[in-house]
């Protein structure tokens, strides 16, 4: 019963809408007539020289590069790492596989 009375009250409100849109149509026509189109020309595309790839010798460019080997001759004027030492436990993990989770410590001491 309540639903029917609400529909009965809303029906005149919805029917009161006028379909006269002449003022709106004239406003749109005036706005379109006064509008100017400003378009800039696209810049000329650069011409690239195509270089064909021919693999005559060398490594495959799509393969992961190998680790560089240490030179036989070392500079003795400055500190050099000891390449013959054994690798530590943490050095076996790649840095790209590690994620920073946070910092633990106090004002004077911090550890990651």
Protein backbone atom coordinates (compact mmCIF):
# COMPACT_ATOMS: atom_id res chain seq x y z
CA UNK A 1 0.00 0.00 0.00
CA UNK A 2 2.83 2.40 0.92
CA UNK A 3 4.69 1.58 -2.29
CA UNK A 4 1.63 2.45 -4.40
CA UNK A 5 1.14 5.77 -2.59
CA UNK A 6 4.79 6.72 -3.17
CA UNK A 7 4.45 5.89 -6.85
CA UNK A 8 1.26 7.95 -7.01
CA UNK A 9 3.03 10.97 -5.46
CA UNK A 10 6.13 10.70 -7.70
CA UNK A 11 4.18 10.36 -10.95
CA UNK A 12 3.17 14.05 -11.19
CA UNK A 13 6.72 15.14 -10.34
CA UNK A 14 8.17 13.08 -13.15
CA UNK A 15 5.54 14.21 -15.63
CA UNK A 16 6.16 17.88 -14.80
CA UNK A 17 9.46 17.82 -16.71
CA UNK A 18 9.14 19.94 -19.85
CA UNK A 19 10.78 18.76 -23.06
CA UNK A 20 11.25 22.31 -24.35
CA UNK A 21 15.00 22.54 -24.91
CA UNK A 22 15.03 25.43 -27.40
CA UNK A 23 17.13 27.67 -25.14
CA UNK A 24 19.63 24.89 -24.59
CA UNK A 25 19.83 24.15 -28.33
CA UNK A 26 20.39 27.84 -29.15
CA UNK A 27 23.12 28.10 -26.50
CA UNK A 28 24.92 25.05 -27.94
CA UNK A 29 24.64 26.47 -31.47
CA UNK A 30 26.07 29.86 -30.36
CA UNK A 31 28.93 28.18 -28.48
CA UNK A 32 29.85 25.97 -31.44
CA UNK A 33 29.75 28.97 -33.80
CA UNK A 34 32.05 31.07 -31.61
CA UNK A 35 34.54 28.27 -30.89
CA UNK A 36 37.85 28.34 -32.73
CA UNK A 37 39.94 25.28 -33.33
CA UNK A 38 43.63 25.69 -32.62
CA UNK A 39 45.63 22.79 -33.95
CA UNK A 40 49.40 22.64 -34.15
CA UNK A 41 51.15 20.67 -36.85
CA UNK A 42 52.87 17.52 -35.71
CA UNK A 43 56.67 17.69 -35.78
CA UNK A 44 58.38 15.77 -38.55
CA UNK A 45 59.38 12.28 -37.54
CA UNK A 46 63.13 11.66 -37.45
CA UNK A 47 64.51 9.23 -39.98
CA UNK A 48 66.43 6.38 -38.39
CA UNK A 49 69.10 4.46 -40.20
CA UNK A 50 68.39 0.74 -40.13
CA UNK A 51 71.50 -1.29 -39.42
CA UNK A 52 71.17 -5.00 -40.15
CA UNK A 53 72.57 -7.33 -37.51
CA UNK A 54 74.96 -10.00 -38.65
CA UNK A 55 76.64 -12.12 -36.01
CA UNK A 56 80.02 -12.99 -37.39
CA UNK A 57 81.82 -13.70 -34.16
CA UNK A 58 81.56 -12.97 -30.46
CA UNK A 59 79.00 -13.82 -27.84
CA UNK A 60 75.25 -14.08 -28.29
CA UNK A 61 73.79 -10.59 -27.55
CA UNK A 62 70.64 -12.12 -26.02
CA UNK A 63 72.47 -14.42 -23.59
CA UNK A 64 73.33 -13.40 -20.03
CA UNK A 65 76.90 -12.09 -20.00
CA UNK A 66 79.53 -14.16 -18.25
CA UNK A 67 81.28 -12.86 -15.17
CA UNK A 68 84.42 -10.99 -16.05
CA UNK A 69 87.64 -12.74 -15.17
CA UNK A 70 90.31 -10.97 -13.17
CA UNK A 71 93.31 -9.71 -15.06
CA UNK A 72 96.55 -11.61 -14.54
CA UNK A 73 98.51 -8.42 -13.97
CA UNK A 74 97.52 -6.49 -10.84
CA UNK A 75 98.25 -2.97 -9.82
CA UNK A 76 100.27 -3.11 -6.61
CA UNK A 77 100.07 0.65 -5.88
CA UNK A 78 96.60 0.42 -4.30
CA UNK A 79 94.55 -2.07 -2.31
CA UNK A 80 93.21 -5.03 -4.28
CA UNK A 81 90.61 -7.56 -3.14
CA UNK A 82 91.76 -11.09 -2.46
CA UNK A 83 90.08 -13.06 -5.24
CA UNK A 84 91.46 -16.38 -4.00
CA UNK A 85 89.59 -16.25 -0.66
CA UNK A 86 86.60 -18.47 0.07
CA UNK A 87 83.18 -16.91 -0.45
CA UNK A 88 81.16 -16.20 2.72
CA UNK A 89 77.71 -17.64 3.39
CA UNK A 90 75.86 -14.36 2.75
CA UNK A 91 77.78 -13.73 -0.48
CA UNK A 92 76.03 -16.70 -2.07
CA UNK A 93 72.76 -14.70 -2.19
CA UNK A 94 72.17 -12.25 -5.01
CA UNK A 95 71.36 -8.70 -3.90
CA UNK A 96 68.40 -8.62 -6.30
CA UNK A 97 66.79 -11.50 -4.35
CA UNK A 98 67.04 -9.69 -0.98
CA UNK A 99 64.35 -7.31 0.30
CA UNK A 100 64.73 -4.62 2.98
CA UNK A 101 62.31 -5.31 5.83
CA UNK A 102 63.27 -2.74 8.46
CA UNK A 103 65.79 -1.44 10.98
CA UNK A 104 66.34 -2.69 14.53
CA UNK A 105 68.32 -0.76 17.08
CA UNK A 106 68.55 2.25 19.37
CA UNK A 107 69.68 5.86 18.88
CA UNK A 108 73.36 4.94 19.05
CA UNK A 109 73.23 1.53 17.30
CA UNK A 110 71.23 0.44 14.28
CA UNK A 111 71.22 -2.84 12.39
CA UNK A 112 69.25 -3.81 9.31
